Amino acid sequence: MTTQYGFFIDSSRCTGCKTCELACK
């Protein structure tokens, strides 16, 4: 799992828009 989208790693750690704004995008 590489940083293909740039926010893939953040999305994995944070589940939800409220937790991480990056995951929302």
PDB file of N, CA and C in Angstrom:
ATOM      1  N   MET A   1       0.838  -1.204   0.000  1.00  0.00           N
ATOM      2  CA  MET A   1       0.000   0.000   0.000  1.00  0.00           C
ATOM      3  C   MET A   1       0.874   1.255   0.000  1.00  0.00           C
ATOM      4  N   THR A   2       0.954   1.905  -1.126  1.00  0.00           N
ATOM      5  CA  THR A   2       1.784   3.114  -1.215  1.00  0.00           C
ATOM      6  C   THR A   2       0.897   4.358  -1.246  1.00  0.00           C
ATOM      7  N   THR A   3       1.518   5.512  -1.135  1.00  0.00           N
ATOM      8  CA  THR A   3       0.738   6.752  -1.144  1.00  0.00           C
ATOM      9  C   THR A   3       0.340   7.114  -2.566  1.00  0.00           C
ATOM     10  N   GLN A   4      -0.528   6.324  -3.147  1.00  0.00           N
ATOM     11  CA  GLN A   4      -0.941   6.587  -4.526  1.00  0.00           C
ATOM     12  C   GLN A   4      -1.843   7.819  -4.595  1.00  0.00           C
ATOM     13  N   TYR A   5      -2.790   7.885  -3.683  1.00  0.00           N
ATOM     14  CA  TYR A   5      -3.733   9.008  -3.691  1.00  0.00           C
ATOM     15  C   TYR A   5      -3.279  10.142  -2.771  1.00  0.00           C
ATOM     16  N   GLY A   6      -2.290   9.826  -1.935  1.00  0.00           N
ATOM     17  CA  GLY A   6      -1.791  10.864  -1.038  1.00  0.00           C
ATOM     18  C   GLY A   6      -2.573  10.902   0.271  1.00  0.00           C
ATOM     19  N   PHE A   7      -3.845  10.504   0.207  1.00  0.00           N
ATOM     20  CA  PHE A   7      -4.664  10.530   1.421  1.00  0.00           C
ATOM     21  C   PHE A   7      -5.077   9.115   1.825  1.00  0.00           C
ATOM     22  N   PHE A   8      -4.551   8.125   1.086  1.00  0.00           N
ATOM     23  CA  PHE A   8      -4.910   6.727   1.353  1.00  0.00           C
ATOM     24  C   PHE A   8      -4.511   6.337   2.770  1.00  0.00           C
ATOM     25  N   ILE A   9      -3.298   6.742   3.180  1.00  0.00           N
ATOM     26  CA  ILE A   9      -2.792   6.396   4.514  1.00  0.00           C
ATOM     27  C   ILE A   9      -3.668   7.053   5.586  1.00  0.00           C
ATOM     28  N   ASP A  10      -4.010   8.332   5.381  1.00  0.00           N
ATOM     29  CA  ASP A  10      -4.836   9.043   6.367  1.00  0.00           C
ATOM     30  C   ASP A  10      -6.199   8.375   6.506  1.00  0.00           C
ATOM     31  N   SER A  11      -6.743   7.959   5.370  1.00  0.00           N
ATOM     32  CA  SER A  11      -8.073   7.342   5.377  1.00  0.00           C
ATOM     33  C   SER A  11      -8.054   6.056   6.200  1.00  0.00           C
ATOM     34  N   SER A  12      -6.954   5.324   6.113  1.00  0.00           N
ATOM     35  CA  SER A  12      -6.850   4.054   6.837  1.00  0.00           C
ATOM     36  C   SER A  12      -6.806   4.316   8.341  1.00  0.00           C
ATOM     37  N   ARG A  13      -6.064   5.339   8.751  1.00  0.00           N
ATOM     38  CA  ARG A  13      -5.927   5.627  10.174  1.00  0.00           C
ATOM     39  C   ARG A  13      -7.183   6.300  10.712  1.00  0.00           C
ATOM     40  N   CYS A  14      -7.719   7.228   9.947  1.00  0.00           N
ATOM     41  CA  CYS A  14      -8.912   7.957  10.404  1.00  0.00           C
ATOM     42  C   CYS A  14     -10.127   7.515   9.608  1.00  0.00           C
ATOM     43  N   THR A  15     -11.158   7.080  10.298  1.00  0.00           N
ATOM     44  CA  THR A  15     -12.366   6.631   9.597  1.00  0.00           C
ATOM     45  C   THR A  15     -13.490   7.632   9.831  1.00  0.00           C
ATOM     46  N   GLY A  16     -13.644   8.573   8.940  1.00  0.00           N
ATOM     47  CA  GLY A  16     -14.702   9.580   9.108  1.00  0.00           C
ATOM     48  C   GLY A  16     -14.213  10.973   8.769  1.00  0.00           C
ATOM     49  N   CYS A  17     -15.107  11.811   8.288  1.00  0.00           N
ATOM     50  CA  CYS A  17     -14.728  13.176   7.908  1.00  0.00           C
ATOM     51  C   CYS A  17     -14.346  13.991   9.145  1.00  0.00           C
ATOM     52  N   LYS A  18     -15.039  13.739  10.246  1.00  0.00           N
ATOM     53  CA  LYS A  18     -14.781  14.518  11.458  1.00  0.00           C
ATOM     54  C   LYS A  18     -13.392  14.225  12.021  1.00  0.00           C
ATOM     55  N   THR A  19     -12.923  12.991  11.829  1.00  0.00           N
ATOM     56  CA  THR A  19     -11.613  12.631  12.378  1.00  0.00           C
ATOM     57  C   THR A  19     -10.501  13.292  11.575  1.00  0.00           C
ATOM     58  N   CYS A  20     -10.570  13.147  10.270  1.00  0.00           N
ATOM     59  CA  CYS A  20      -9.530  13.737   9.415  1.00  0.00           C
ATOM     60  C   CYS A  20     -10.171  14.387   8.206  1.00  0.00           C
ATOM     61  N   GLU A  21      -9.882  15.656   7.992  1.00  0.00           N
ATOM     62  CA  GLU A  21     -10.460  16.358   6.848  1.00  0.00           C
ATOM     63  C   GLU A  21      -9.939  15.778   5.543  1.00  0.00           C
ATOM     64  N   LEU A  22      -8.700  15.303   5.556  1.00  0.00           N
ATOM     65  CA  LEU A  22      -8.101  14.728   4.344  1.00  0.00           C
ATOM     66  C   LEU A  22      -8.875  13.496   3.910  1.00  0.00           C
ATOM     67  N   ALA A  23      -9.339  12.727   4.880  1.00  0.00           N
ATOM     68  CA  ALA A  23     -10.067  11.498   4.552  1.00  0.00           C
ATOM     69  C   ALA A  23     -11.381  11.839   3.859  1.00  0.00           C
ATOM     70  N   CYS A  24     -11.944  12.984   4.214  1.00  0.00           N
ATOM     71  CA  CYS A  24     -13.215  13.398   3.627  1.00  0.00           C
ATOM     72  C   CYS A  24     -13.045  13.607   2.124  1.00  0.00           C
ATOM     73  N   LYS A  25     -11.926  14.223   1.727  1.00  0.00           N
ATOM     74  CA  LYS A  25     -11.675  14.476   0.307  1.00  0.00           C
ATOM     75  C   LYS A  25     -11.218  13.195  -0.326  1.00  0.00           C
TER      76      LYS A  25
END
